[in-house]
N, C-alpha and C. Protein backbone atom coordinates (compact mmCIF):
# COMPACT_ATOMS: atom_id res chain seq x y z
N MET A 1 -14.88 -6.13 46.92
CA MET A 1 -14.79 -6.65 45.57
C MET A 1 -15.26 -5.56 44.62
N GLY A 2 -14.51 -5.29 43.60
CA GLY A 2 -14.85 -4.26 42.62
C GLY A 2 -15.94 -4.72 41.67
N THR A 3 -16.48 -3.75 40.95
CA THR A 3 -17.48 -4.07 39.95
C THR A 3 -16.93 -3.76 38.58
N TRP A 4 -17.43 -4.46 37.57
CA TRP A 4 -17.02 -4.22 36.21
C TRP A 4 -18.05 -4.80 35.25
N ASP A 5 -18.03 -4.27 34.06
CA ASP A 5 -18.83 -4.79 32.95
C ASP A 5 -18.14 -4.30 31.69
N SER A 6 -18.77 -4.44 30.56
CA SER A 6 -18.09 -4.18 29.29
C SER A 6 -18.17 -2.74 28.80
N GLY A 7 -18.84 -1.85 29.52
CA GLY A 7 -18.91 -0.45 29.11
C GLY A 7 -17.73 0.35 29.64
N ILE A 8 -17.48 1.48 29.01
CA ILE A 8 -16.35 2.33 29.40
C ILE A 8 -16.45 2.74 30.87
N TYR A 9 -17.64 3.05 31.35
CA TYR A 9 -17.82 3.53 32.73
C TYR A 9 -18.27 2.42 33.68
N ASP A 10 -18.15 1.18 33.26
CA ASP A 10 -18.70 0.07 34.04
C ASP A 10 -17.69 -0.60 34.97
N SER A 11 -16.86 0.21 35.63
CA SER A 11 -15.95 -0.35 36.64
C SER A 11 -15.76 0.70 37.74
N ASP A 12 -15.39 0.22 38.90
CA ASP A 12 -15.11 1.13 40.01
C ASP A 12 -13.99 2.09 39.64
N ALA A 13 -12.96 1.57 38.97
CA ALA A 13 -11.82 2.41 38.60
C ALA A 13 -12.25 3.53 37.66
N ALA A 14 -13.11 3.22 36.69
CA ALA A 14 -13.58 4.24 35.75
C ALA A 14 -14.43 5.29 36.47
N LEU A 15 -15.29 4.85 37.36
CA LEU A 15 -16.14 5.80 38.08
C LEU A 15 -15.32 6.67 39.03
N ASP A 16 -14.34 6.08 39.69
CA ASP A 16 -13.47 6.86 40.57
C ASP A 16 -12.68 7.90 39.78
N TYR A 17 -12.16 7.49 38.63
CA TYR A 17 -11.39 8.41 37.79
C TYR A 17 -12.30 9.53 37.28
N THR A 18 -13.49 9.19 36.84
CA THR A 18 -14.44 10.19 36.36
C THR A 18 -14.78 11.18 37.46
N SER A 19 -14.94 10.70 38.67
CA SER A 19 -15.23 11.57 39.80
C SER A 19 -14.09 12.57 40.02
N ARG A 20 -12.85 12.10 39.89
CA ARG A 20 -11.71 13.00 40.04
C ARG A 20 -11.69 14.02 38.90
N LEU A 21 -12.03 13.59 37.68
CA LEU A 21 -12.04 14.52 36.55
C LEU A 21 -13.08 15.62 36.72
N GLU A 22 -14.19 15.29 37.37
CA GLU A 22 -15.27 16.27 37.55
C GLU A 22 -14.80 17.48 38.36
N THR A 23 -13.78 17.32 39.16
CA THR A 23 -13.28 18.42 39.97
C THR A 23 -11.93 18.94 39.47
N SER A 24 -11.52 18.50 38.31
CA SER A 24 -10.22 18.88 37.76
C SER A 24 -10.20 20.35 37.36
N SER A 25 -9.08 20.99 37.63
CA SER A 25 -8.89 22.37 37.18
C SER A 25 -8.26 22.42 35.80
N ASP A 26 -7.81 21.27 35.28
CA ASP A 26 -7.20 21.18 33.95
C ASP A 26 -7.65 19.88 33.30
N LEU A 27 -8.91 19.82 32.92
CA LEU A 27 -9.50 18.59 32.41
C LEU A 27 -8.75 18.07 31.18
N ILE A 28 -8.53 18.90 30.18
CA ILE A 28 -7.85 18.41 28.98
C ILE A 28 -6.43 17.96 29.31
N GLY A 29 -5.77 18.64 30.24
CA GLY A 29 -4.43 18.22 30.67
C GLY A 29 -4.45 16.86 31.33
N ASP A 30 -5.48 16.60 32.14
CA ASP A 30 -5.60 15.30 32.79
C ASP A 30 -5.88 14.20 31.77
N LEU A 31 -6.70 14.50 30.77
CA LEU A 31 -6.96 13.51 29.72
C LEU A 31 -5.68 13.20 28.95
N ARG A 32 -4.93 14.23 28.63
CA ARG A 32 -3.66 14.03 27.92
C ARG A 32 -2.69 13.20 28.76
N SER A 33 -2.69 13.42 30.06
CA SER A 33 -1.83 12.63 30.94
C SER A 33 -2.22 11.16 30.91
N ALA A 34 -3.52 10.87 30.87
CA ALA A 34 -3.99 9.48 30.80
C ALA A 34 -3.53 8.83 29.50
N PHE A 35 -3.60 9.57 28.40
CA PHE A 35 -3.14 9.02 27.12
C PHE A 35 -1.64 8.74 27.14
N ALA A 36 -0.88 9.67 27.71
CA ALA A 36 0.58 9.51 27.75
C ALA A 36 0.97 8.36 28.67
N TYR A 37 0.29 8.24 29.81
CA TYR A 37 0.64 7.23 30.80
C TYR A 37 0.53 5.82 30.23
N VAL A 38 -0.54 5.56 29.49
CA VAL A 38 -0.79 4.21 29.01
C VAL A 38 0.23 3.78 27.95
N GLN A 39 0.92 4.72 27.35
CA GLN A 39 1.91 4.36 26.34
C GLN A 39 3.12 3.65 26.93
N ASP A 40 3.40 3.89 28.21
CA ASP A 40 4.59 3.32 28.83
C ASP A 40 4.32 2.37 29.99
N HIS A 41 3.07 2.12 30.29
CA HIS A 41 2.75 1.31 31.46
C HIS A 41 1.82 0.16 31.10
N LEU A 42 1.85 -0.85 31.94
CA LEU A 42 1.03 -2.04 31.70
C LEU A 42 -0.39 -1.89 32.21
N HIS A 43 -0.65 -0.88 32.99
CA HIS A 43 -2.00 -0.66 33.48
C HIS A 43 -2.34 0.81 33.27
N GLY A 44 -3.53 1.18 33.58
CA GLY A 44 -3.96 2.56 33.36
C GLY A 44 -4.85 2.72 32.15
N THR A 45 -5.18 1.60 31.50
CA THR A 45 -6.01 1.72 30.30
C THR A 45 -7.43 2.14 30.64
N THR A 46 -7.90 1.87 31.83
CA THR A 46 -9.24 2.32 32.22
C THR A 46 -9.33 3.83 32.12
N HIS A 47 -8.33 4.53 32.64
CA HIS A 47 -8.31 5.99 32.58
C HIS A 47 -8.27 6.46 31.13
N ALA A 48 -7.44 5.83 30.33
CA ALA A 48 -7.32 6.23 28.92
C ALA A 48 -8.63 6.00 28.17
N CYS A 49 -9.33 4.93 28.48
CA CYS A 49 -10.62 4.66 27.82
C CYS A 49 -11.66 5.70 28.21
N VAL A 50 -11.71 6.07 29.47
CA VAL A 50 -12.62 7.13 29.92
C VAL A 50 -12.26 8.43 29.21
N ALA A 51 -10.97 8.75 29.17
CA ALA A 51 -10.52 9.98 28.51
C ALA A 51 -10.89 9.96 27.03
N ALA A 52 -10.70 8.82 26.37
CA ALA A 52 -11.04 8.70 24.95
C ALA A 52 -12.54 8.88 24.72
N GLU A 53 -13.35 8.35 25.62
CA GLU A 53 -14.81 8.52 25.52
C GLU A 53 -15.19 9.98 25.63
N ILE A 54 -14.56 10.70 26.53
CA ILE A 54 -14.85 12.13 26.70
C ILE A 54 -14.47 12.89 25.44
N VAL A 55 -13.30 12.58 24.87
CA VAL A 55 -12.86 13.23 23.63
C VAL A 55 -13.83 12.91 22.49
N ALA A 56 -14.19 11.63 22.34
CA ALA A 56 -15.10 11.24 21.25
C ALA A 56 -16.46 11.93 21.37
N SER A 57 -17.01 11.96 22.56
CA SER A 57 -18.31 12.61 22.76
C SER A 57 -18.22 14.10 22.48
N SER A 58 -17.12 14.71 22.90
CA SER A 58 -16.93 16.14 22.66
C SER A 58 -16.84 16.43 21.16
N LEU A 59 -16.15 15.57 20.42
CA LEU A 59 -16.06 15.73 18.96
C LEU A 59 -17.44 15.64 18.31
N GLU A 60 -18.27 14.77 18.85
CA GLU A 60 -19.61 14.56 18.29
C GLU A 60 -20.60 15.63 18.74
N GLY A 61 -20.18 16.47 19.67
CA GLY A 61 -21.07 17.51 20.17
C GLY A 61 -22.11 16.98 21.13
N THR A 62 -21.82 15.83 21.72
CA THR A 62 -22.74 15.24 22.70
C THR A 62 -22.03 15.15 24.04
N ARG A 63 -22.79 14.89 25.05
CA ARG A 63 -22.20 14.69 26.37
C ARG A 63 -21.99 13.20 26.56
N SER A 64 -20.80 12.87 27.06
CA SER A 64 -20.54 11.47 27.39
C SER A 64 -21.34 11.12 28.64
N GLU A 65 -21.32 9.87 28.98
CA GLU A 65 -22.00 9.44 30.20
C GLU A 65 -21.49 10.20 31.41
N SER A 66 -20.25 10.66 31.35
CA SER A 66 -19.67 11.42 32.45
C SER A 66 -20.21 12.84 32.52
N GLY A 67 -20.73 13.34 31.39
CA GLY A 67 -21.21 14.72 31.33
C GLY A 67 -20.10 15.73 31.09
N LEU A 68 -18.87 15.26 30.98
CA LEU A 68 -17.72 16.15 30.79
C LEU A 68 -17.52 16.45 29.30
N VAL A 69 -17.14 17.68 29.00
CA VAL A 69 -16.92 18.12 27.63
C VAL A 69 -15.60 18.88 27.57
N VAL A 70 -14.85 18.64 26.49
CA VAL A 70 -13.59 19.35 26.26
C VAL A 70 -13.56 19.83 24.81
N ALA A 71 -12.57 20.61 24.49
CA ALA A 71 -12.34 21.05 23.10
C ALA A 71 -11.04 20.39 22.64
N PRO A 72 -11.12 19.14 22.17
CA PRO A 72 -9.90 18.42 21.83
C PRO A 72 -9.25 18.93 20.53
N THR A 73 -7.94 18.84 20.49
CA THR A 73 -7.20 19.15 19.27
C THR A 73 -7.06 17.87 18.45
N SER A 74 -6.57 17.99 17.23
CA SER A 74 -6.34 16.79 16.43
C SER A 74 -5.29 15.90 17.09
N ASP A 75 -4.32 16.51 17.79
CA ASP A 75 -3.32 15.71 18.52
C ASP A 75 -3.97 14.91 19.64
N ASP A 76 -4.99 15.48 20.28
CA ASP A 76 -5.70 14.76 21.34
C ASP A 76 -6.42 13.54 20.77
N VAL A 77 -6.99 13.70 19.58
CA VAL A 77 -7.71 12.58 18.95
C VAL A 77 -6.73 11.47 18.59
N VAL A 78 -5.58 11.85 18.03
CA VAL A 78 -4.56 10.86 17.69
C VAL A 78 -4.07 10.16 18.95
N ALA A 79 -3.85 10.90 20.02
CA ALA A 79 -3.40 10.31 21.29
C ALA A 79 -4.46 9.37 21.86
N ALA A 80 -5.73 9.72 21.73
CA ALA A 80 -6.82 8.86 22.21
C ALA A 80 -6.83 7.54 21.45
N ARG A 81 -6.70 7.62 20.13
CA ARG A 81 -6.66 6.38 19.33
C ARG A 81 -5.44 5.53 19.70
N ALA A 82 -4.29 6.18 19.87
CA ALA A 82 -3.08 5.44 20.24
C ALA A 82 -3.25 4.75 21.59
N ALA A 83 -3.93 5.41 22.51
CA ALA A 83 -4.17 4.81 23.82
C ALA A 83 -5.07 3.58 23.69
N LEU A 84 -6.08 3.67 22.84
CA LEU A 84 -6.98 2.52 22.65
C LEU A 84 -6.25 1.34 22.03
N GLU A 85 -5.22 1.62 21.24
CA GLU A 85 -4.42 0.54 20.66
C GLU A 85 -3.65 -0.22 21.73
N ARG A 86 -3.52 0.35 22.91
CA ARG A 86 -2.81 -0.28 24.02
C ARG A 86 -3.74 -1.03 24.97
N THR A 87 -5.03 -0.94 24.75
CA THR A 87 -5.97 -1.56 25.69
C THR A 87 -5.89 -3.07 25.59
N GLU A 88 -6.13 -3.68 26.71
CA GLU A 88 -6.18 -5.13 26.78
C GLU A 88 -7.49 -5.53 27.45
N VAL A 89 -7.94 -6.72 27.14
CA VAL A 89 -9.13 -7.24 27.80
C VAL A 89 -8.72 -7.64 29.21
N PRO A 90 -9.44 -7.12 30.21
CA PRO A 90 -9.11 -7.52 31.58
C PRO A 90 -9.12 -9.03 31.73
N GLU A 91 -8.10 -9.56 32.40
CA GLU A 91 -7.93 -11.01 32.49
C GLU A 91 -9.07 -11.71 33.24
N PHE A 92 -9.82 -10.97 34.05
CA PHE A 92 -10.90 -11.59 34.82
C PHE A 92 -12.20 -11.68 34.02
N PHE A 93 -12.23 -11.13 32.80
CA PHE A 93 -13.45 -11.19 31.99
C PHE A 93 -13.69 -12.61 31.49
N ARG A 94 -14.95 -13.00 31.46
CA ARG A 94 -15.33 -14.25 30.81
C ARG A 94 -15.32 -14.02 29.30
N ALA A 95 -15.41 -15.07 28.53
CA ALA A 95 -15.31 -14.96 27.07
C ALA A 95 -16.35 -13.99 26.50
N GLU A 96 -17.59 -14.08 26.96
CA GLU A 96 -18.63 -13.19 26.42
C GLU A 96 -18.37 -11.73 26.82
N ASP A 97 -17.82 -11.52 28.02
CA ASP A 97 -17.47 -10.17 28.45
C ASP A 97 -16.31 -9.63 27.63
N SER A 98 -15.36 -10.49 27.31
CA SER A 98 -14.21 -10.09 26.50
C SER A 98 -14.65 -9.61 25.13
N ALA A 99 -15.56 -10.33 24.52
CA ALA A 99 -16.06 -9.94 23.20
C ALA A 99 -16.81 -8.61 23.28
N ALA A 100 -17.59 -8.42 24.33
CA ALA A 100 -18.33 -7.16 24.49
C ALA A 100 -17.38 -6.00 24.74
N TRP A 101 -16.35 -6.21 25.56
CA TRP A 101 -15.36 -5.16 25.84
C TRP A 101 -14.63 -4.78 24.55
N THR A 102 -14.20 -5.77 23.80
CA THR A 102 -13.50 -5.52 22.54
C THR A 102 -14.39 -4.73 21.58
N ALA A 103 -15.67 -5.08 21.51
CA ALA A 103 -16.61 -4.35 20.65
C ALA A 103 -16.77 -2.91 21.12
N THR A 104 -16.83 -2.70 22.42
CA THR A 104 -16.94 -1.34 22.98
C THR A 104 -15.74 -0.49 22.57
N ILE A 105 -14.55 -1.06 22.69
CA ILE A 105 -13.33 -0.34 22.32
C ILE A 105 -13.30 -0.08 20.82
N ASP A 106 -13.70 -1.07 20.03
CA ASP A 106 -13.72 -0.90 18.57
C ASP A 106 -14.65 0.24 18.15
N VAL A 107 -15.83 0.31 18.74
CA VAL A 107 -16.78 1.37 18.42
C VAL A 107 -16.19 2.73 18.81
N LEU A 108 -15.58 2.81 19.97
CA LEU A 108 -14.97 4.06 20.42
C LEU A 108 -13.84 4.46 19.47
N TYR A 109 -13.06 3.51 19.03
CA TYR A 109 -11.95 3.77 18.11
C TYR A 109 -12.47 4.37 16.79
N VAL A 110 -13.56 3.81 16.28
CA VAL A 110 -14.15 4.32 15.04
C VAL A 110 -14.73 5.72 15.27
N ARG A 111 -15.34 5.95 16.41
CA ARG A 111 -15.87 7.29 16.72
C ARG A 111 -14.76 8.33 16.73
N LEU A 112 -13.54 7.90 17.01
CA LEU A 112 -12.38 8.80 17.02
C LEU A 112 -11.69 8.86 15.66
N GLY A 113 -12.33 8.31 14.63
CA GLY A 113 -11.79 8.39 13.28
C GLY A 113 -10.88 7.25 12.89
N GLY A 114 -10.75 6.26 13.74
CA GLY A 114 -9.91 5.11 13.42
C GLY A 114 -10.64 4.15 12.49
N THR A 115 -9.90 3.29 11.84
CA THR A 115 -10.50 2.27 10.99
C THR A 115 -10.20 0.89 11.56
N LEU A 116 -11.16 0.02 11.37
CA LEU A 116 -11.01 -1.36 11.86
C LEU A 116 -10.40 -2.21 10.76
N PRO A 117 -9.72 -3.29 11.07
CA PRO A 117 -9.57 -3.80 12.43
C PRO A 117 -8.55 -2.98 13.22
N LEU A 118 -8.85 -2.82 14.48
CA LEU A 118 -7.95 -2.13 15.40
C LEU A 118 -6.79 -3.07 15.70
N VAL A 119 -5.59 -2.65 15.36
CA VAL A 119 -4.41 -3.46 15.64
C VAL A 119 -3.88 -3.04 17.00
N ARG A 120 -4.02 -3.94 17.94
CA ARG A 120 -3.59 -3.63 19.29
C ARG A 120 -2.10 -3.82 19.43
N ILE A 121 -1.45 -2.83 20.00
CA ILE A 121 -0.01 -2.85 20.21
C ILE A 121 0.25 -3.46 21.57
N PRO A 122 1.08 -4.49 21.64
CA PRO A 122 1.33 -5.09 22.96
C PRO A 122 2.05 -4.11 23.87
N PRO A 123 1.79 -4.21 25.16
CA PRO A 123 2.47 -3.31 26.11
C PRO A 123 3.95 -3.62 26.15
N PRO A 124 4.74 -2.65 26.62
CA PRO A 124 6.17 -2.91 26.73
C PRO A 124 6.42 -4.04 27.73
N PRO A 125 7.51 -4.79 27.56
CA PRO A 125 7.77 -5.89 28.48
C PRO A 125 8.11 -5.37 29.87
N LEU A 126 7.78 -6.17 30.86
CA LEU A 126 8.13 -5.83 32.24
C LEU A 126 9.62 -6.01 32.46
N PRO A 127 10.21 -5.14 33.25
CA PRO A 127 11.61 -5.37 33.62
C PRO A 127 11.66 -6.57 34.57
N PRO A 128 12.80 -7.24 34.64
CA PRO A 128 12.87 -8.36 35.57
C PRO A 128 12.76 -7.87 37.01
N PRO A 129 11.97 -8.55 37.82
CA PRO A 129 11.82 -8.11 39.21
C PRO A 129 13.09 -8.37 40.01
N ALA A 130 13.30 -7.51 40.98
CA ALA A 130 14.42 -7.72 41.90
C ALA A 130 14.08 -8.91 42.78
N GLU A 131 15.10 -9.58 43.25
CA GLU A 131 14.87 -10.75 44.10
C GLU A 131 14.43 -10.31 45.49
N ASN A 132 13.63 -11.16 46.12
CA ASN A 132 13.19 -10.95 47.50
C ASN A 132 12.38 -9.66 47.68
N ILE A 133 11.67 -9.25 46.68
CA ILE A 133 10.83 -8.06 46.78
C ILE A 133 9.38 -8.52 46.73
N GLU A 134 8.57 -8.02 47.67
CA GLU A 134 7.17 -8.38 47.67
C GLU A 134 6.39 -7.42 46.79
N ASP A 135 5.52 -7.97 45.98
CA ASP A 135 4.67 -7.16 45.12
C ASP A 135 3.29 -7.03 45.75
N TRP A 136 2.65 -5.93 45.42
CA TRP A 136 1.28 -5.66 45.87
C TRP A 136 0.45 -5.43 44.63
N ILE A 137 -0.77 -5.92 44.63
CA ILE A 137 -1.66 -5.80 43.47
C ILE A 137 -2.87 -4.98 43.86
N CYS A 138 -3.18 -3.98 43.03
CA CYS A 138 -4.37 -3.17 43.25
C CYS A 138 -5.60 -3.98 42.84
N GLU A 139 -6.54 -4.15 43.75
CA GLU A 139 -7.75 -4.90 43.44
C GLU A 139 -8.66 -4.16 42.46
N ASN A 140 -8.51 -2.85 42.35
CA ASN A 140 -9.32 -2.08 41.40
C ASN A 140 -8.94 -2.37 39.96
N CYS A 141 -7.61 -2.30 39.67
CA CYS A 141 -7.19 -2.34 38.27
C CYS A 141 -6.20 -3.44 37.95
N GLY A 142 -5.70 -4.14 38.95
CA GLY A 142 -4.71 -5.19 38.70
C GLY A 142 -3.29 -4.67 38.59
N GLY A 143 -3.11 -3.37 38.81
CA GLY A 143 -1.77 -2.79 38.76
C GLY A 143 -0.87 -3.39 39.82
N ILE A 144 0.40 -3.53 39.49
CA ILE A 144 1.36 -4.15 40.40
C ILE A 144 2.27 -3.07 40.95
N TYR A 145 2.43 -3.05 42.26
CA TYR A 145 3.41 -2.18 42.89
C TYR A 145 4.42 -3.09 43.57
N GLY A 146 5.65 -2.90 43.22
CA GLY A 146 6.73 -3.65 43.85
C GLY A 146 8.02 -2.93 43.59
N GLN A 147 8.91 -2.96 44.54
CA GLN A 147 10.18 -2.27 44.36
C GLN A 147 10.90 -2.74 43.12
N GLY A 148 10.68 -3.98 42.70
CA GLY A 148 11.32 -4.49 41.52
C GLY A 148 10.77 -3.91 40.24
N PHE A 149 9.57 -3.28 40.30
CA PHE A 149 8.94 -2.74 39.10
C PHE A 149 8.90 -1.22 39.08
N PHE A 150 8.85 -0.59 40.22
CA PHE A 150 8.77 0.86 40.31
C PHE A 150 9.87 1.36 41.24
N GLU A 151 10.44 2.47 40.89
CA GLU A 151 11.39 3.08 41.81
C GLU A 151 10.59 3.67 42.96
N GLY A 152 11.12 3.54 44.11
CA GLY A 152 10.43 4.09 45.26
C GLY A 152 10.56 3.18 46.46
N PRO A 153 9.92 3.57 47.53
CA PRO A 153 10.04 2.80 48.77
C PRO A 153 9.27 1.50 48.71
N ALA A 154 9.54 0.63 49.66
CA ALA A 154 8.75 -0.58 49.81
C ALA A 154 7.31 -0.18 50.09
N PHE A 155 6.36 -1.02 49.71
CA PHE A 155 4.95 -0.69 49.86
C PHE A 155 4.62 -0.34 51.30
N ASP A 156 5.16 -1.08 52.24
CA ASP A 156 4.88 -0.82 53.66
C ASP A 156 5.36 0.54 54.12
N GLU A 157 6.27 1.16 53.36
CA GLU A 157 6.81 2.46 53.74
C GLU A 157 6.10 3.63 53.07
N LEU A 158 5.12 3.33 52.20
CA LEU A 158 4.38 4.40 51.53
C LEU A 158 3.49 5.13 52.53
N THR A 159 3.26 6.42 52.29
CA THR A 159 2.39 7.20 53.17
C THR A 159 0.93 6.81 52.96
N ASP A 160 0.09 7.15 53.91
CA ASP A 160 -1.32 6.78 53.85
C ASP A 160 -2.06 7.41 52.68
N ASP A 161 -1.52 8.51 52.13
CA ASP A 161 -2.21 9.16 51.02
C ASP A 161 -1.77 8.64 49.65
N TRP A 162 -0.95 7.55 49.63
CA TRP A 162 -0.51 6.96 48.36
C TRP A 162 -1.73 6.49 47.56
N ARG A 163 -1.67 6.66 46.23
CA ARG A 163 -2.73 6.22 45.34
C ARG A 163 -2.13 5.45 44.17
N CYS A 164 -2.82 4.41 43.75
CA CYS A 164 -2.48 3.69 42.53
C CYS A 164 -2.82 4.61 41.35
N ALA A 165 -2.34 4.28 40.18
CA ALA A 165 -2.65 5.08 38.99
C ALA A 165 -4.16 5.15 38.74
N CYS A 166 -4.90 4.12 39.18
CA CYS A 166 -6.36 4.11 38.97
C CYS A 166 -7.09 4.90 40.05
N GLY A 167 -6.37 5.36 41.06
CA GLY A 167 -6.99 6.09 42.15
C GLY A 167 -7.23 5.24 43.40
N GLY A 168 -6.95 3.94 43.30
CA GLY A 168 -7.12 3.06 44.44
C GLY A 168 -6.20 3.44 45.59
N THR A 169 -6.68 3.24 46.79
CA THR A 169 -5.89 3.57 47.98
C THR A 169 -5.09 2.34 48.43
N ARG A 170 -4.31 2.54 49.47
CA ARG A 170 -3.55 1.40 50.03
C ARG A 170 -4.50 0.27 50.43
N ALA A 171 -5.70 0.61 50.85
CA ALA A 171 -6.65 -0.42 51.27
C ALA A 171 -7.08 -1.31 50.10
N HIS A 172 -6.92 -0.82 48.86
CA HIS A 172 -7.28 -1.61 47.68
C HIS A 172 -6.16 -2.57 47.25
N ALA A 173 -5.01 -2.48 47.90
CA ALA A 173 -3.86 -3.30 47.51
C ALA A 173 -3.77 -4.56 48.38
N VAL A 174 -3.45 -5.67 47.74
CA VAL A 174 -3.26 -6.93 48.45
C VAL A 174 -1.88 -7.48 48.10
N ARG A 175 -1.30 -8.16 49.04
CA ARG A 175 0.02 -8.75 48.83
C ARG A 175 -0.10 -9.85 47.78
N ALA A 176 0.81 -9.84 46.82
CA ALA A 176 0.79 -10.84 45.75
C ALA A 176 1.26 -12.18 46.25
């Protein structure tokens, strides 16, 4: 069972992503990839929130909780704000957790130069699933893998080194 709370780094997915960033040879490139990914996908906002926190802390001249620092461009800041506009409250949050998560994102958005209220942009609609296709759900982030949603092989045919966008392994996936 994964862990989560209302802070940017308060989930297994955020900590796993941060750990991968710590060994990155192109940190700013990886942050930019997280911002770009969330614009077209229904999941991956955890990575974008971590990336936005790193950018905001770097702008402020402080170290984020991750300890990572970058030299963001103005385009990076705009991309970070745009990514935060795509964030959603995780469906498993209780009402009080939802309010705390929303407040965390709002504060981060303002730190990046945004103004409130933050108008959240709904994610793009899902394509219709193919019939008779089994979906798998990542227990870390709730991401869905299914032939009807992603091009590629059936889940059972994926190699052992397959990773979800959040970094979860095949062992983190359960049949829907």
